[in-house]
Every structure is written in structure tokens, then in C-alpha cells.
Amino acid sequence: MSTTPSAKATLPFIYRLIILTIEPAFAVMGSMLVLSNPAMYAGSVTRHSVTFTPDTTFLYTGLGGAWLYFAFVEAVVLRLIDDLFLWRVLCFGMLFSDFLFLHSMAQAVGGWAIYSDLTGWTAEDWAGMAGTAPMVLTRIFIVLGIGFRRDKSLQGSKRKGSRCQLL
């Protein structure tokens, strides 16, 4: 059986810092916001064009739960299991959520034609992108293997066992 590449030995420090520390903190703070003040969140992502109504609270509770799950996977699971394959698979799965979140941001302001016009962006739009883009780019880099440190002792090794060879 071959050696499983270590995430810690392979991934640059900045990737690990973003995924293990910075994003979980952002996710917990975002969750606290949507759970404690969903009206503020709704206003900030819709350029204040949508009024929060209490009968939609359940949607914000679900979003808060999803962000807490992200925080748990990143801050706990990925710290416990130093397996590059697992990191890549989880990051790949998280990208589905990332792309749908980005699409929801466009929907929130009236569609892609409006959202893609950067001249109309508010400070809240820029802050939202600044708080999201580095995390998404880091996941893309991990999935694609960009910026990895190469351990020559692992080159050419094949993964044996029942693991899927998707990435």
C-alpha cells in the first residue's frame, strides 16, 4: 500500500491558514449574523431592495446551519485528518455550495446582468466578495493542485485500496 500524501506537507501554509482558521471564523460570524439579525443580512445582500419578514426566518436558520457545518468541517475535520485526498474531495464538494452562493448573490440584486456590472456595486457587495473570493480561490487551487509542494518520495506512487480516484 502506498503512502497517502499529507495535506500539511503538500499544501502551502497560506492555504491551510485560510481553510483551517480564517474561513471557519468568517463562517461562524456569518452564521451569528443570519441567526441574530436576518434583516441586516437580507438588506446587505439585496442592496436593501428586499424587506425581511419574520415568516422567512427559517431560511436564515438553514443558512446559518450550513455555515456552521462548513466551519466544523474546516476547523475540526480537516485538522484531524491530514489526508490530501480528503481535503481535495471536501473542497470539491464545497465548491458546489460556493457557486450556488455566488449565484444567489446575483439573484439577490436582480440577476447576473446587474450583478456583473461592477460600477453598480455597493460597499457591501465589495465586502461580501472580499470575504468570499479568497476562500473560493483557495478551494479551486486545492482541487486543481495549484501551488502544491511536491514531495519527491511520493511521486509515482499509486493509491491502493477502495478510495475513489476522482481527483
N, C-alpha and C. Protein backbone atom coordinates (compact mmCIF):
# COMPACT_ATOMS: atom_id res chain seq x y z
N MET A 1 0.84 -1.19 0.00
CA MET A 1 0.00 0.00 0.00
C MET A 1 0.88 1.24 0.00
N SER A 2 0.52 2.22 -0.78
CA SER A 2 1.33 3.42 -0.90
C SER A 2 1.04 4.40 0.23
N THR A 3 1.93 5.35 0.33
CA THR A 3 1.78 6.39 1.33
C THR A 3 0.73 7.39 0.86
N THR A 4 -0.14 7.78 1.77
CA THR A 4 -1.13 8.80 1.46
C THR A 4 -0.49 10.16 1.64
N PRO A 5 -0.53 11.02 0.63
CA PRO A 5 0.08 12.34 0.76
C PRO A 5 -0.55 13.14 1.91
N SER A 6 0.29 13.81 2.64
CA SER A 6 -0.13 14.64 3.76
C SER A 6 -0.57 16.01 3.26
N ALA A 7 -1.70 16.48 3.73
CA ALA A 7 -2.14 17.83 3.38
C ALA A 7 -1.17 18.85 3.95
N LYS A 8 -0.73 18.62 5.18
CA LYS A 8 0.17 19.57 5.83
C LYS A 8 1.50 19.69 5.09
N ALA A 9 2.00 18.56 4.59
CA ALA A 9 3.28 18.57 3.89
C ALA A 9 3.16 19.09 2.46
N THR A 10 1.97 19.02 1.90
CA THR A 10 1.78 19.35 0.48
C THR A 10 1.23 20.75 0.25
N LEU A 11 0.29 21.18 1.09
CA LEU A 11 -0.37 22.46 0.88
C LEU A 11 0.44 23.62 1.45
N PRO A 12 0.52 24.73 0.74
CA PRO A 12 1.20 25.90 1.29
C PRO A 12 0.52 26.37 2.58
N PHE A 13 1.31 26.98 3.44
CA PHE A 13 0.79 27.47 4.72
C PHE A 13 -0.42 28.37 4.52
N ILE A 14 -0.39 29.26 3.54
CA ILE A 14 -1.50 30.20 3.34
C ILE A 14 -2.80 29.48 3.05
N TYR A 15 -2.76 28.38 2.29
CA TYR A 15 -3.97 27.60 2.02
C TYR A 15 -4.54 27.05 3.32
N ARG A 16 -3.64 26.46 4.14
CA ARG A 16 -4.08 25.87 5.40
C ARG A 16 -4.60 26.94 6.35
N LEU A 17 -3.95 28.10 6.37
CA LEU A 17 -4.42 29.20 7.22
C LEU A 17 -5.83 29.64 6.82
N ILE A 18 -6.05 29.80 5.53
CA ILE A 18 -7.37 30.22 5.05
C ILE A 18 -8.43 29.18 5.36
N ILE A 19 -8.16 27.92 5.04
CA ILE A 19 -9.17 26.86 5.18
C ILE A 19 -9.38 26.44 6.62
N LEU A 20 -8.33 26.39 7.43
CA LEU A 20 -8.46 25.89 8.80
C LEU A 20 -8.80 26.96 9.82
N THR A 21 -8.51 28.23 9.51
CA THR A 21 -8.67 29.27 10.52
C THR A 21 -9.54 30.44 10.06
N ILE A 22 -9.17 31.07 8.96
CA ILE A 22 -9.86 32.29 8.54
C ILE A 22 -11.29 32.00 8.12
N GLU A 23 -11.48 31.05 7.20
CA GLU A 23 -12.85 30.81 6.75
C GLU A 23 -13.77 30.28 7.85
N PRO A 24 -13.33 29.35 8.71
CA PRO A 24 -14.23 28.94 9.79
C PRO A 24 -14.66 30.12 10.67
N ALA A 25 -13.74 31.04 10.93
CA ALA A 25 -14.10 32.22 11.73
C ALA A 25 -15.14 33.06 10.99
N PHE A 26 -14.94 33.28 9.69
CA PHE A 26 -15.92 34.02 8.89
C PHE A 26 -17.26 33.31 8.88
N ALA A 27 -17.23 31.98 8.74
CA ALA A 27 -18.48 31.21 8.69
C ALA A 27 -19.24 31.30 10.00
N VAL A 28 -18.53 31.25 11.12
CA VAL A 28 -19.20 31.37 12.42
C VAL A 28 -19.78 32.77 12.57
N MET A 29 -19.02 33.80 12.18
CA MET A 29 -19.54 35.17 12.28
C MET A 29 -20.75 35.37 11.36
N GLY A 30 -20.69 34.83 10.15
CA GLY A 30 -21.83 34.93 9.23
C GLY A 30 -23.04 34.22 9.78
N SER A 31 -22.81 33.06 10.38
CA SER A 31 -23.91 32.31 10.98
C SER A 31 -24.54 33.11 12.13
N MET A 32 -23.69 33.70 12.96
CA MET A 32 -24.22 34.51 14.06
C MET A 32 -25.06 35.67 13.52
N LEU A 33 -24.62 36.27 12.42
CA LEU A 33 -25.37 37.38 11.83
C LEU A 33 -26.73 36.92 11.33
N VAL A 34 -26.78 35.85 10.52
CA VAL A 34 -28.07 35.44 9.97
C VAL A 34 -29.00 34.89 11.04
N LEU A 35 -28.44 34.35 12.12
CA LEU A 35 -29.30 33.84 13.20
C LEU A 35 -29.78 34.95 14.13
N SER A 36 -28.94 35.96 14.35
CA SER A 36 -29.32 37.01 15.29
C SER A 36 -29.96 38.23 14.63
N ASN A 37 -29.62 38.50 13.37
CA ASN A 37 -30.15 39.68 12.70
C ASN A 37 -30.36 39.41 11.21
N PRO A 38 -31.31 38.54 10.90
CA PRO A 38 -31.53 38.20 9.49
C PRO A 38 -31.93 39.41 8.64
N ALA A 39 -32.56 40.41 9.23
CA ALA A 39 -32.94 41.60 8.47
C ALA A 39 -31.71 42.34 7.96
N MET A 40 -30.69 42.44 8.79
CA MET A 40 -29.46 43.10 8.37
C MET A 40 -28.80 42.32 7.23
N TYR A 41 -28.77 41.01 7.36
CA TYR A 41 -28.17 40.19 6.31
C TYR A 41 -28.95 40.35 5.00
N ALA A 42 -30.27 40.25 5.07
CA ALA A 42 -31.10 40.38 3.87
C ALA A 42 -30.87 41.72 3.19
N GLY A 43 -30.79 42.77 3.98
CA GLY A 43 -30.55 44.09 3.41
C GLY A 43 -29.19 44.21 2.76
N SER A 44 -28.19 43.63 3.40
CA SER A 44 -26.83 43.77 2.87
C SER A 44 -26.62 43.01 1.56
N VAL A 45 -27.29 41.88 1.37
CA VAL A 45 -27.07 41.11 0.14
C VAL A 45 -28.01 41.52 -0.99
N THR A 46 -29.06 42.27 -0.67
CA THR A 46 -30.02 42.67 -1.71
C THR A 46 -29.97 44.16 -2.02
N ARG A 47 -28.93 44.82 -1.52
CA ARG A 47 -28.82 46.28 -1.68
C ARG A 47 -30.06 46.97 -1.13
N HIS A 48 -30.57 46.40 -0.08
CA HIS A 48 -31.73 46.92 0.67
C HIS A 48 -32.99 47.02 -0.18
N SER A 49 -33.10 46.14 -1.18
CA SER A 49 -34.30 46.14 -2.02
C SER A 49 -35.35 45.15 -1.52
N VAL A 50 -34.98 44.33 -0.55
CA VAL A 50 -35.91 43.33 -0.01
C VAL A 50 -36.09 43.61 1.47
N THR A 51 -37.32 43.56 1.92
CA THR A 51 -37.62 43.75 3.33
C THR A 51 -37.75 42.39 3.99
N PHE A 52 -37.05 42.23 5.09
CA PHE A 52 -37.12 40.98 5.85
C PHE A 52 -38.51 40.83 6.45
N THR A 53 -39.05 39.63 6.37
CA THR A 53 -40.31 39.32 7.05
C THR A 53 -40.07 38.11 7.95
N PRO A 54 -40.62 38.13 9.15
CA PRO A 54 -40.37 37.05 10.11
C PRO A 54 -40.75 35.66 9.61
N ASP A 55 -41.70 35.58 8.67
CA ASP A 55 -42.09 34.25 8.19
C ASP A 55 -41.02 33.60 7.31
N THR A 56 -39.92 34.32 7.02
CA THR A 56 -38.81 33.74 6.26
C THR A 56 -37.62 33.38 7.17
N THR A 57 -37.79 33.51 8.46
CA THR A 57 -36.71 33.23 9.41
C THR A 57 -36.12 31.85 9.21
N PHE A 58 -36.96 30.88 8.89
CA PHE A 58 -36.47 29.50 8.73
C PHE A 58 -35.39 29.40 7.65
N LEU A 59 -35.47 30.24 6.62
CA LEU A 59 -34.45 30.22 5.57
C LEU A 59 -33.09 30.66 6.11
N TYR A 60 -33.11 31.67 6.96
CA TYR A 60 -31.88 32.18 7.54
C TYR A 60 -31.31 31.20 8.56
N THR A 61 -32.20 30.50 9.26
CA THR A 61 -31.75 29.47 10.20
C THR A 61 -31.04 28.36 9.44
N GLY A 62 -31.59 27.95 8.31
CA GLY A 62 -30.95 26.93 7.48
C GLY A 62 -29.60 27.38 6.95
N LEU A 63 -29.52 28.64 6.51
CA LEU A 63 -28.26 29.18 6.02
C LEU A 63 -27.22 29.22 7.14
N GLY A 64 -27.65 29.66 8.31
CA GLY A 64 -26.74 29.69 9.46
C GLY A 64 -26.22 28.30 9.80
N GLY A 65 -27.09 27.31 9.73
CA GLY A 65 -26.68 25.94 9.98
C GLY A 65 -25.68 25.44 8.96
N ALA A 66 -25.89 25.78 7.70
CA ALA A 66 -24.96 25.37 6.64
C ALA A 66 -23.59 25.99 6.86
N TRP A 67 -23.56 27.25 7.26
CA TRP A 67 -22.27 27.90 7.51
C TRP A 67 -21.57 27.30 8.73
N LEU A 68 -22.34 26.92 9.75
CA LEU A 68 -21.73 26.26 10.90
C LEU A 68 -21.15 24.90 10.51
N TYR A 69 -21.82 24.21 9.60
CA TYR A 69 -21.31 22.94 9.11
C TYR A 69 -19.98 23.15 8.38
N PHE A 70 -19.92 24.16 7.52
CA PHE A 70 -18.66 24.49 6.85
C PHE A 70 -17.57 24.73 7.89
N ALA A 71 -17.89 25.53 8.89
CA ALA A 71 -16.90 25.86 9.92
C ALA A 71 -16.42 24.60 10.63
N PHE A 72 -17.32 23.68 10.94
CA PHE A 72 -16.95 22.44 11.62
C PHE A 72 -16.05 21.57 10.74
N VAL A 73 -16.43 21.40 9.50
CA VAL A 73 -15.63 20.56 8.59
C VAL A 73 -14.22 21.14 8.45
N GLU A 74 -14.14 22.44 8.28
CA GLU A 74 -12.83 23.05 8.07
C GLU A 74 -12.00 23.12 9.35
N ALA A 75 -12.60 23.58 10.43
CA ALA A 75 -11.83 23.80 11.66
C ALA A 75 -11.58 22.52 12.44
N VAL A 76 -12.43 21.51 12.28
CA VAL A 76 -12.27 20.28 13.07
C VAL A 76 -11.86 19.10 12.19
N VAL A 77 -12.69 18.73 11.24
CA VAL A 77 -12.44 17.52 10.45
C VAL A 77 -11.10 17.61 9.71
N LEU A 78 -10.86 18.72 9.02
CA LEU A 78 -9.62 18.82 8.24
C LEU A 78 -8.39 18.95 9.13
N ARG A 79 -8.55 19.39 10.36
CA ARG A 79 -7.43 19.40 11.31
C ARG A 79 -7.11 17.99 11.81
N LEU A 80 -8.15 17.18 11.95
CA LEU A 80 -7.97 15.83 12.49
C LEU A 80 -7.42 14.84 11.47
N ILE A 81 -7.73 15.04 10.20
CA ILE A 81 -7.36 14.07 9.17
C ILE A 81 -6.42 14.75 8.17
N ASP A 82 -5.15 14.40 8.26
CA ASP A 82 -4.12 15.00 7.42
C ASP A 82 -3.95 14.19 6.14
N ASP A 83 -4.98 14.21 5.32
CA ASP A 83 -5.01 13.40 4.10
C ASP A 83 -5.35 14.32 2.93
N LEU A 84 -4.41 14.52 2.04
CA LEU A 84 -4.61 15.43 0.92
C LEU A 84 -5.80 15.03 0.07
N PHE A 85 -6.00 13.74 -0.14
CA PHE A 85 -7.14 13.26 -0.94
C PHE A 85 -8.46 13.73 -0.32
N LEU A 86 -8.60 13.57 0.99
CA LEU A 86 -9.82 14.01 1.67
C LEU A 86 -10.01 15.52 1.53
N TRP A 87 -8.94 16.28 1.71
CA TRP A 87 -9.03 17.73 1.54
C TRP A 87 -9.56 18.08 0.16
N ARG A 88 -9.02 17.42 -0.85
CA ARG A 88 -9.41 17.74 -2.22
C ARG A 88 -10.86 17.37 -2.49
N VAL A 89 -11.29 16.23 -1.97
CA VAL A 89 -12.69 15.81 -2.16
C VAL A 89 -13.64 16.77 -1.44
N LEU A 90 -13.33 17.12 -0.19
CA LEU A 90 -14.21 18.04 0.55
C LEU A 90 -14.23 19.42 -0.10
N CYS A 91 -13.09 19.90 -0.54
CA CYS A 91 -13.06 21.21 -1.22
C CYS A 91 -13.86 21.17 -2.51
N PHE A 92 -13.78 20.06 -3.24
CA PHE A 92 -14.56 19.91 -4.46
C PHE A 92 -16.05 20.01 -4.14
N GLY A 93 -16.50 19.31 -3.10
CA GLY A 93 -17.90 19.37 -2.70
C GLY A 93 -18.32 20.75 -2.24
N MET A 94 -17.44 21.44 -1.52
CA MET A 94 -17.75 22.78 -1.04
C MET A 94 -17.90 23.77 -2.19
N LEU A 95 -17.22 23.50 -3.30
CA LEU A 95 -17.34 24.40 -4.45
C LEU A 95 -18.76 24.43 -5.01
N PHE A 96 -19.51 23.35 -4.87
CA PHE A 96 -20.92 23.38 -5.29
C PHE A 96 -21.66 24.46 -4.51
N SER A 97 -21.45 24.47 -3.19
CA SER A 97 -22.08 25.48 -2.35
C SER A 97 -21.57 26.88 -2.71
N ASP A 98 -20.28 26.99 -2.95
CA ASP A 98 -19.70 28.30 -3.31
C ASP A 98 -20.35 28.87 -4.57
N PHE A 99 -20.47 28.04 -5.60
CA PHE A 99 -21.02 28.53 -6.86
C PHE A 99 -22.50 28.87 -6.73
N LEU A 100 -23.23 28.09 -5.96
CA LEU A 100 -24.64 28.43 -5.73
C LEU A 100 -24.77 29.68 -4.87
N PHE A 101 -23.86 29.87 -3.92
CA PHE A 101 -23.87 31.10 -3.12
C PHE A 101 -23.62 32.30 -4.02
N LEU A 102 -22.65 32.19 -4.91
CA LEU A 102 -22.37 33.28 -5.85
C LEU A 102 -23.60 33.56 -6.73
N HIS A 103 -24.24 32.51 -7.19
CA HIS A 103 -25.45 32.68 -7.99
C HIS A 103 -26.55 33.37 -7.17
N SER A 104 -26.66 33.00 -5.90
CA SER A 104 -27.67 33.63 -5.04
C SER A 104 -27.38 35.12 -4.86
N MET A 105 -26.11 35.49 -4.84
CA MET A 105 -25.75 36.90 -4.72
C MET A 105 -26.24 37.67 -5.96
N ALA A 106 -26.11 37.05 -7.13
CA ALA A 106 -26.62 37.69 -8.35
C ALA A 106 -28.14 37.76 -8.32
N GLN A 107 -28.79 36.69 -7.88
CA GLN A 107 -30.25 36.69 -7.78
C GLN A 107 -30.73 37.77 -6.83
N ALA A 108 -29.99 37.99 -5.75
CA ALA A 108 -30.41 38.94 -4.72
C ALA A 108 -30.51 40.37 -5.23
N VAL A 109 -29.78 40.69 -6.28
CA VAL A 109 -29.81 42.06 -6.79
C VAL A 109 -30.52 42.18 -8.13
N GLY A 110 -31.12 41.10 -8.60
CA GLY A 110 -31.89 41.17 -9.83
C GLY A 110 -31.32 40.42 -11.01
N GLY A 111 -30.27 39.64 -10.80
CA GLY A 111 -29.73 38.82 -11.88
C GLY A 111 -28.29 39.14 -12.23
N TRP A 112 -27.75 38.32 -13.12
CA TRP A 112 -26.35 38.44 -13.48
C TRP A 112 -26.03 39.73 -14.23
N ALA A 113 -26.96 40.24 -15.02
CA ALA A 113 -26.69 41.48 -15.76
C ALA A 113 -26.41 42.63 -14.80
N ILE A 114 -27.17 42.68 -13.72
CA ILE A 114 -26.98 43.74 -12.72
C ILE A 114 -25.74 43.45 -11.87
N TYR A 115 -25.63 42.20 -11.41
CA TYR A 115 -24.53 41.84 -10.51
C TYR A 115 -23.17 41.97 -11.19
N SER A 116 -23.08 41.66 -12.45
CA SER A 116 -21.79 41.69 -13.15
C SER A 116 -21.35 43.11 -13.51
N ASP A 117 -22.22 44.10 -13.33
CA ASP A 117 -21.85 45.49 -13.57
C ASP A 117 -21.17 46.03 -12.30
N LEU A 118 -19.86 45.96 -12.26
CA LEU A 118 -19.12 46.34 -11.07
C LEU A 118 -19.26 47.82 -10.72
N THR A 119 -19.65 48.65 -11.68
CA THR A 119 -19.83 50.07 -11.39
C THR A 119 -21.02 50.31 -10.47
N GLY A 120 -21.92 49.35 -10.39
CA GLY A 120 -23.08 49.49 -9.52
C GLY A 120 -22.91 48.83 -8.16
N TRP A 121 -21.75 48.27 -7.91
CA TRP A 121 -21.53 47.57 -6.64
C TRP A 121 -21.48 48.55 -5.48
N THR A 122 -22.05 48.11 -4.38
CA THR A 122 -22.02 48.88 -3.14
C THR A 122 -20.83 48.41 -2.30
N ALA A 123 -20.56 49.13 -1.22
CA ALA A 123 -19.50 48.72 -0.29
C ALA A 123 -19.80 47.32 0.25
N GLU A 124 -21.09 47.03 0.47
CA GLU A 124 -21.47 45.71 0.97
C GLU A 124 -21.19 44.62 -0.07
N ASP A 125 -21.39 44.91 -1.35
CA ASP A 125 -21.06 43.95 -2.41
C ASP A 125 -19.56 43.65 -2.40
N TRP A 126 -18.76 44.71 -2.32
CA TRP A 126 -17.30 44.52 -2.33
C TRP A 126 -16.85 43.77 -1.08
N ALA A 127 -17.43 44.09 0.06
CA ALA A 127 -17.06 43.39 1.30
C ALA A 127 -17.44 41.91 1.21
N GLY A 128 -18.62 41.64 0.67
CA GLY A 128 -19.04 40.25 0.51
C GLY A 128 -18.12 39.48 -0.40
N MET A 129 -17.69 40.09 -1.49
CA MET A 129 -16.79 39.41 -2.41
C MET A 129 -15.40 39.25 -1.78
N ALA A 130 -14.95 40.27 -1.07
CA ALA A 130 -13.63 40.18 -0.43
C ALA A 130 -13.61 39.10 0.64
N GLY A 131 -14.75 38.86 1.26
CA GLY A 131 -14.84 37.82 2.29
C GLY A 131 -15.10 36.44 1.74
N THR A 132 -15.39 36.34 0.46
CA THR A 132 -15.72 35.06 -0.15
C THR A 132 -14.67 34.60 -1.16
N ALA A 133 -14.22 35.49 -2.01
CA ALA A 133 -13.33 35.12 -3.12
C ALA A 133 -12.04 34.41 -2.68
N PRO A 134 -11.33 34.88 -1.65
CA PRO A 134 -10.09 34.18 -1.29
C PRO A 134 -10.34 32.72 -0.88
N MET A 135 -11.45 32.47 -0.22
CA MET A 135 -11.76 31.11 0.21
C MET A 135 -12.09 30.22 -0.99
N VAL A 136 -12.90 30.76 -1.90
CA VAL A 136 -13.28 30.00 -3.09
C VAL A 136 -12.04 29.73 -3.95
N LEU A 137 -11.22 30.74 -4.16
CA LEU A 137 -10.00 30.54 -4.95
C LEU A 137 -9.08 29.51 -4.31
N THR A 138 -8.97 29.54 -2.99
CA THR A 138 -8.14 28.55 -2.30
C THR A 138 -8.67 27.14 -2.54
N ARG A 139 -9.98 26.96 -2.46
CA ARG A 139 -10.56 25.63 -2.73
C ARG A 139 -10.31 25.20 -4.18
N ILE A 140 -10.45 26.13 -5.11
CA ILE A 140 -10.18 25.81 -6.52
C ILE A 140 -8.72 25.38 -6.68
N PHE A 141 -7.80 26.12 -6.06
CA PHE A 141 -6.38 25.78 -6.15
C PHE A 141 -6.10 24.40 -5.56
N ILE A 142 -6.75 24.08 -4.43
CA ILE A 142 -6.55 22.77 -3.81
C ILE A 142 -7.07 21.67 -4.72
N VAL A 143 -8.26 21.84 -5.25
CA VAL A 143 -8.84 20.82 -6.13
C VAL A 143 -7.97 20.62 -7.37
N LEU A 144 -7.46 21.70 -7.95
CA LEU A 144 -6.67 21.60 -9.17
C LEU A 144 -5.19 21.29 -8.92
N GLY A 145 -4.78 21.32 -7.66
CA GLY A 145 -3.38 21.01 -7.34
C GLY A 145 -2.43 22.16 -7.61
N ILE A 146 -2.94 23.37 -7.65
CA ILE A 146 -2.12 24.55 -7.94
C ILE A 146 -1.38 24.99 -6.67
N GLY A 147 -0.08 25.18 -6.79
CA GLY A 147 0.71 25.69 -5.68
C GLY A 147 1.17 24.63 -4.69
N PHE A 148 0.93 23.38 -4.97
CA PHE A 148 1.32 22.30 -4.05
C PHE A 148 2.84 22.18 -3.99
N ARG A 149 3.33 21.88 -2.79
CA ARG A 149 4.73 21.49 -2.63
C ARG A 149 4.80 20.02 -3.02
N ARG A 150 5.76 19.66 -3.79
CA ARG A 150 5.89 18.28 -4.26
C ARG A 150 6.91 17.52 -3.42
N ASP A 151 6.48 16.40 -2.86
CA ASP A 151 7.35 15.51 -2.10
C ASP A 151 7.84 14.44 -3.06
N LYS A 152 9.13 14.46 -3.37
CA LYS A 152 9.68 13.53 -4.37
C LYS A 152 9.53 12.08 -3.94
N SER A 153 9.44 11.82 -2.65
CA SER A 153 9.29 10.44 -2.19
C SER A 153 7.91 9.88 -2.52
N LEU A 154 6.95 10.75 -2.82
CA LEU A 154 5.60 10.30 -3.13
C LEU A 154 5.33 10.29 -4.63
N GLN A 155 6.23 10.85 -5.43
CA GLN A 155 5.99 10.90 -6.87
C GLN A 155 5.94 9.49 -7.44
N GLY A 156 4.99 9.28 -8.29
CA GLY A 156 4.83 7.99 -8.94
C GLY A 156 4.13 6.95 -8.09
N SER A 157 3.81 7.28 -6.84
CA SER A 157 3.13 6.29 -6.01
C SER A 157 1.67 6.22 -6.40
N LYS A 158 1.11 5.06 -6.29
CA LYS A 158 -0.30 4.84 -6.63
C LYS A 158 -1.06 4.60 -5.34
N ARG A 159 -2.23 5.14 -5.29
CA ARG A 159 -3.11 4.93 -4.14
C ARG A 159 -3.78 3.59 -4.31
N LYS A 160 -3.67 2.75 -3.29
CA LYS A 160 -4.31 1.44 -3.34
C LYS A 160 -5.46 1.42 -2.36
N GLY A 161 -6.33 0.50 -2.56
CA GLY A 161 -7.47 0.39 -1.66
C GLY A 161 -8.74 0.75 -2.37
N SER A 162 -9.76 1.06 -1.60
CA SER A 162 -11.09 1.27 -2.16
C SER A 162 -11.41 2.73 -2.42
N ARG A 163 -10.44 3.64 -2.26
CA ARG A 163 -10.73 5.05 -2.46
C ARG A 163 -10.97 5.37 -3.92
N CYS A 164 -11.88 6.28 -4.13
CA CYS A 164 -12.20 6.74 -5.48
C CYS A 164 -11.05 7.59 -6.02
N GLN A 165 -10.76 7.48 -7.28
CA GLN A 165 -9.65 8.20 -7.90
C GLN A 165 -10.14 9.40 -8.72
N LEU A 166 -11.12 10.14 -8.21
CA LEU A 166 -11.68 11.25 -8.97
C LEU A 166 -10.70 12.39 -9.18
N LEU A 167 -9.94 12.71 -8.17
CA LEU A 167 -9.10 13.91 -8.26
C LEU A 167 -7.65 13.56 -8.43
